[in-house]
Protein backbone atom coordinates (compact mmCIF):
# COMPACT_ATOMS: atom_id res chain seq x y z
CA MET A 1 -20.30 -20.97 -29.93
CA LYS A 2 -16.90 -22.31 -28.91
CA CYS A 3 -16.81 -22.38 -25.11
CA ALA A 4 -13.88 -23.10 -22.79
CA LEU A 5 -14.48 -23.91 -19.12
CA VAL A 6 -11.32 -23.40 -17.11
CA ILE A 7 -9.96 -24.15 -13.67
CA PRO A 8 -6.92 -21.81 -13.41
CA SER A 9 -3.49 -23.36 -13.02
CA TRP A 10 -2.34 -24.07 -9.45
CA LEU A 11 0.38 -26.02 -7.65
CA PRO A 12 -0.05 -28.35 -4.65
CA GLU A 13 2.48 -26.40 -2.55
CA GLU A 14 0.26 -23.34 -2.87
CA LEU A 15 -2.51 -25.14 -0.99
CA PHE A 16 -1.01 -27.93 1.10
CA PRO A 17 1.79 -27.74 3.71
CA THR A 18 5.01 -29.20 2.29
CA LYS A 19 5.48 -31.76 5.08
CA THR A 20 1.97 -33.19 4.79
CA ALA A 21 1.21 -32.64 1.11
CA GLY A 22 1.80 -36.29 0.25
CA PHE A 23 -1.07 -37.31 2.52
CA GLN A 24 -3.41 -34.47 1.54
CA ILE A 25 -3.11 -33.84 -2.19
CA ASN A 26 -6.27 -34.86 -4.00
CA TYR A 27 -7.94 -34.09 -7.29
CA TRP A 28 -11.71 -34.45 -7.38
CA GLN A 29 -13.78 -34.45 -10.53
CA PRO A 30 -15.19 -30.87 -10.73
CA LEU A 31 -18.89 -31.71 -10.88
CA GLY A 32 -20.13 -28.11 -10.95
CA THR A 33 -18.09 -27.31 -14.04
CA LEU A 34 -19.05 -30.60 -15.70
CA TYR A 35 -22.76 -29.88 -15.17
CA VAL A 36 -22.35 -26.47 -16.83
CA ALA A 37 -20.47 -28.13 -19.70
CA ALA A 38 -23.24 -30.68 -20.17
CA CYS A 39 -25.88 -27.94 -20.37
CA LEU A 40 -23.85 -25.97 -22.91
CA LYS A 41 -23.36 -29.08 -25.04
CA LYS A 42 -27.07 -29.87 -24.85
CA SER A 43 -27.73 -26.37 -26.18
CA GLY A 44 -25.52 -27.07 -29.20
CA HIS A 45 -22.28 -25.33 -28.21
CA GLU A 46 -18.77 -26.74 -28.67
CA VAL A 47 -17.24 -27.17 -25.23
CA ARG A 48 -13.76 -27.93 -23.96
CA PHE A 49 -12.60 -28.24 -20.36
CA TYR A 50 -9.13 -27.23 -19.15
CA ASN A 51 -8.04 -28.24 -15.67
CA GLY A 52 -5.15 -26.14 -14.39
CA ALA A 53 -4.45 -28.70 -11.68
CA PHE A 54 -2.64 -30.68 -14.39
CA MET A 55 -1.31 -27.84 -16.57
CA ARG A 56 1.21 -25.04 -16.23
CA GLN A 57 -0.12 -21.56 -16.90
CA ASP A 58 1.77 -21.24 -20.18
CA GLU A 59 0.42 -24.60 -21.36
CA LEU A 60 -3.11 -23.59 -20.43
CA ILE A 61 -2.92 -20.28 -22.28
CA LYS A 62 -1.36 -21.91 -25.36
CA GLU A 63 -4.18 -24.46 -25.57
CA LEU A 64 -6.77 -21.71 -25.18
CA ALA A 65 -5.05 -19.73 -27.93
CA ASP A 66 -5.18 -22.76 -30.24
CA PHE A 67 -8.89 -23.30 -29.49
CA ASN A 68 -9.73 -19.56 -29.65
CA PRO A 69 -13.13 -19.72 -27.91
CA GLY A 70 -15.75 -17.01 -27.99
CA PHE A 71 -16.59 -17.60 -24.32
CA VAL A 72 -14.39 -18.55 -21.36
CA GLY A 73 -15.87 -19.51 -18.01
CA LEU A 74 -13.42 -19.43 -15.09
CA TYR A 75 -13.99 -21.31 -11.84
CA SER A 76 -12.70 -19.69 -8.65
CA THR A 77 -12.40 -20.61 -5.01
CA THR A 78 -11.08 -18.09 -2.49
CA PHE A 79 -7.46 -19.25 -2.71
CA GLY A 80 -7.72 -19.31 -6.50
CA TRP A 81 -9.14 -15.83 -7.06
CA ASN A 82 -5.83 -14.16 -7.89
CA LYS A 83 -5.13 -16.95 -10.38
CA ALA A 84 -8.53 -16.45 -11.98
CA VAL A 85 -7.79 -12.74 -12.40
CA THR A 86 -4.36 -13.51 -13.88
CA THR A 87 -5.84 -16.09 -16.24
CA ALA A 88 -8.51 -13.64 -17.40
CA HIS A 89 -5.77 -11.10 -18.19
CA ASP A 90 -3.76 -13.70 -20.10
CA VAL A 91 -6.83 -14.82 -22.06
CA LYS A 92 -7.56 -11.22 -23.08
CA SER A 93 -3.99 -10.96 -24.38
CA ILE A 94 -4.80 -13.83 -26.76
CA ASN A 95 -7.94 -12.19 -28.10
CA PRO A 96 -9.55 -9.14 -26.47
CA GLU A 97 -12.91 -10.14 -27.96
CA ILE A 98 -13.20 -13.29 -25.85
CA TYR A 99 -16.04 -12.92 -23.34
CA ILE A 100 -14.93 -13.99 -19.84
CA ALA A 101 -17.23 -14.88 -16.96
CA VAL A 102 -16.29 -16.17 -13.53
CA GLY A 103 -18.23 -18.44 -11.18
CA GLY A 104 -17.68 -20.63 -8.14
CA PRO A 105 -17.71 -20.16 -4.36
CA PHE A 106 -15.69 -16.94 -4.24
CA PRO A 107 -17.61 -15.02 -6.93
CA ILE A 108 -20.92 -16.16 -5.42
CA ALA A 109 -19.81 -14.74 -2.08
CA ARG A 110 -18.27 -11.51 -3.45
CA GLN A 111 -20.84 -10.72 -6.17
CA ASN A 112 -20.20 -7.25 -7.67
CA LEU A 113 -17.12 -6.74 -5.48
CA CYS A 114 -15.31 -9.04 -7.92
CA PHE A 115 -15.02 -6.11 -10.32
CA GLN A 116 -13.01 -4.05 -7.84
CA ASP A 117 -9.81 -6.05 -8.27
CA SER A 118 -10.31 -8.01 -11.50
CA GLY A 119 -9.13 -5.39 -13.97
CA GLU A 120 -10.77 -5.39 -17.40
CA GLY A 121 -10.52 -9.14 -18.00
CA ILE A 122 -13.62 -10.44 -16.24
CA VAL A 123 -16.82 -9.16 -17.82
CA ALA A 124 -19.49 -11.15 -15.95
CA VAL A 125 -19.95 -12.75 -12.54
CA ILE A 126 -22.23 -15.77 -12.11
CA THR A 127 -24.03 -15.17 -8.82
CA GLY A 128 -25.56 -18.60 -8.18
CA GLU A 129 -26.06 -22.00 -9.80
CA GLY A 130 -24.49 -21.81 -13.23
CA GLU A 131 -26.11 -24.42 -15.46
CA VAL A 132 -29.09 -22.45 -16.76
CA THR A 133 -27.46 -19.05 -16.27
CA VAL A 134 -24.31 -19.74 -18.30
CA THR A 135 -26.31 -21.41 -21.08
CA ASP A 136 -28.64 -18.40 -21.26
CA LEU A 137 -25.64 -16.05 -21.27
CA VAL A 138 -23.84 -17.88 -24.10
CA ASN A 139 -27.02 -18.20 -26.17
CA ARG A 140 -27.47 -14.45 -25.98
CA LEU A 141 -23.84 -13.75 -26.82
CA GLU A 142 -24.12 -15.97 -29.87
CA SER A 143 -27.24 -14.17 -31.09
CA GLY A 144 -25.82 -10.71 -30.34
CA GLN A 145 -28.40 -9.87 -27.68
CA SER A 146 -27.87 -7.70 -24.60
CA LEU A 147 -27.32 -9.48 -21.29
CA ARG A 148 -29.69 -7.14 -19.49
CA GLY A 149 -32.28 -9.25 -17.74
CA VAL A 150 -30.27 -12.49 -17.70
CA LEU A 151 -31.06 -13.77 -14.22
CA GLY A 152 -28.08 -14.74 -12.09
CA ILE A 153 -25.36 -12.50 -13.54
CA ILE A 154 -23.71 -9.18 -12.85
CA CYS A 155 -21.95 -7.87 -15.94
CA ARG A 156 -20.24 -4.93 -17.57
CA GLU A 157 -21.70 -3.19 -20.59
CA GLY A 158 -19.32 -0.42 -21.57
CA ASN A 159 -18.62 1.60 -18.43
CA GLU A 160 -21.80 0.42 -16.71
CA ILE A 161 -22.14 -2.49 -14.29
CA ILE A 162 -25.52 -4.18 -14.65
CA GLU A 163 -26.81 -6.12 -11.64
CA ASN A 164 -29.48 -8.49 -12.87
CA PRO A 165 -31.77 -10.19 -10.31
CA PRO A 166 -30.65 -13.55 -8.91
CA ARG A 167 -31.86 -16.71 -10.62
CA PRO A 168 -34.16 -18.96 -8.57
CA LEU A 169 -32.60 -22.26 -7.54
CA ILE A 170 -33.16 -25.21 -9.87
CA GLU A 171 -36.13 -27.01 -8.34
CA ASP A 172 -36.13 -30.20 -10.42
CA LEU A 173 -32.55 -31.49 -10.49
CA ASP A 174 -33.64 -34.34 -12.79
CA GLU A 175 -33.94 -31.78 -15.60
CA LEU A 176 -30.16 -31.37 -15.67
CA PRO A 177 -28.15 -33.54 -18.07
CA LEU A 178 -25.59 -35.82 -16.47
CA PRO A 179 -22.13 -34.26 -15.94
CA ALA A 180 -19.96 -34.19 -19.08
CA ARG A 181 -17.29 -36.54 -17.72
CA GLU A 182 -16.14 -37.26 -21.27
CA LEU A 183 -14.33 -33.89 -21.11
CA LEU A 184 -12.10 -34.94 -18.20
CA GLY A 185 -9.39 -36.71 -20.18
CA ASP A 186 -7.51 -39.40 -18.25
CA LEU A 187 -9.82 -40.41 -15.40
CA ASP A 188 -6.88 -41.82 -13.43
CA ASP A 189 -5.65 -38.25 -12.90
CA TYR A 190 -8.55 -37.65 -10.54
CA THR A 191 -7.54 -39.13 -7.22
CA PRO A 192 -9.08 -38.70 -3.75
CA PRO A 193 -6.78 -38.47 -0.71
CA PRO A 194 -4.59 -41.54 -0.13
CA ALA A 195 -6.21 -44.49 1.67
CA THR A 196 -9.76 -43.30 0.88
CA TYR A 197 -10.33 -45.50 -2.18
CA ARG A 198 -9.57 -49.04 -3.36
CA ARG A 199 -8.75 -48.54 -7.04
CA LYS A 200 -8.92 -46.04 -9.85
CA PRO A 201 -10.70 -44.55 -11.68
CA VAL A 202 -12.79 -42.93 -8.97
CA ALA A 203 -15.95 -40.96 -9.70
CA VAL A 204 -17.98 -38.62 -7.54
CA MET A 205 -21.72 -37.97 -7.71
CA MET A 206 -24.16 -35.38 -6.43
CA THR A 207 -27.53 -36.74 -5.34
CA ALA A 208 -28.87 -33.57 -3.70
CA ARG A 209 -28.15 -29.87 -3.43
CA GLY A 210 -28.40 -27.52 -0.51
CA CYS A 211 -28.41 -27.94 3.25
CA ASN A 212 -30.80 -27.41 6.14
CA ARG A 213 -28.12 -25.85 8.37
CA ARG A 214 -26.88 -22.27 8.60
CA CYS A 215 -23.16 -22.66 9.36
CA ILE A 216 -21.52 -19.23 9.28
CA PHE A 217 -18.41 -20.48 7.46
CA CYS A 218 -20.29 -22.05 4.52
CA SER A 219 -20.96 -20.58 1.08
CA GLN A 220 -24.56 -21.79 0.92
CA ILE A 221 -26.36 -19.87 -1.82
CA ASP A 222 -29.74 -19.95 -0.08
CA ARG A 223 -28.74 -19.46 3.53
CA GLU A 224 -31.93 -17.53 4.29
CA ARG A 225 -34.14 -20.16 2.60
CA LYS A 226 -35.65 -17.59 0.25
CA SER A 227 -36.23 -20.30 -2.33
CA GLY A 228 -38.83 -21.94 -0.12
CA LYS A 229 -37.16 -25.32 -0.63
CA ARG A 230 -36.09 -25.70 3.01
CA GLY A 231 -32.50 -25.82 1.88
CA ILE A 232 -32.37 -29.27 0.27
CA ARG A 233 -33.36 -30.44 -3.21
CA TYR A 234 -33.08 -34.13 -4.11
CA ARG A 235 -32.64 -36.01 -7.35
CA SER A 236 -34.99 -38.91 -7.96
CA VAL A 237 -33.80 -42.46 -7.32
CA ASP A 238 -34.21 -43.37 -11.00
CA ASN A 239 -32.15 -40.39 -12.10
CA VAL A 240 -29.33 -41.31 -9.72
CA LEU A 241 -29.36 -44.94 -10.85
CA ASP A 242 -29.17 -43.81 -14.48
CA GLU A 243 -25.94 -41.98 -13.67
CA ILE A 244 -24.48 -44.95 -11.78
CA ARG A 245 -25.19 -47.21 -14.78
C-alpha cells in the first residue's frame, strides 16, 4: 500500500518568540516517524515522508494529491493538534477514501478524546508506540480486514468508535529496523539549536526508551510501569554500533 507519513505544516513564529527565534529555531530528525516508516517499508509498503516544517500547507497537500496514498499517518504534538486536524480535512478533500490515522504525544495523551474535535477526517488514533501498530493496521487495510482487535488503536467503523486494548511496549528494541533516514531529503535542513553542533549534517539516535521517573508534566506511555520493564528498555551495544556505522 502507498503510505504517507506527515508532520503537518508549521511556522517558526507559531512556536518561538519573535525576538529569540533566531537562537531557538531547530529542526531535529523525527526519529519516531522514521522508525514507523522503516517498519512499513520492511513489510513491503511504499512509503514517503513529508515534513511540514519545510513546506507550506498548499505545497504539502499538492504533493499528497500527486502521490495519492491509501494511508496517511499524521504526527501531532500539543501545539500542532489543530494543524493535524486541518491537514486531515484537506487530505480528505483530495480523496475521501484515504485512511487517516494520528499518533504522537498529544494523541497518546488524549486517546479517544481526539475524536471530539477532529471532525470526520481522522479515523484512527495510535495510542502508544507506533512501529508494530501502524504496520499491523496498514496490513489489515490492504487485505480488507476489520481493525477490530488491532492492539494499540482506537478507530471509527461507521458510527461506532472501537477501543482496542493497548499494545504492550516493544521489549526487544533490537528487533526494530534502523530509522528510514533515506526519506529525509536534504540532511542539512535538519539543524539543532545554534552553537550546539560543529558541522552539518547532524544526526540523532535513540539508544533506549522509557524512563524510571514519574514527572507529572511528561507524556511517558508507561508511567505506572504496567509493562514490568521498570520504565527503561535498552538497545544492545552491537545494535547501536551498527547504526553509527
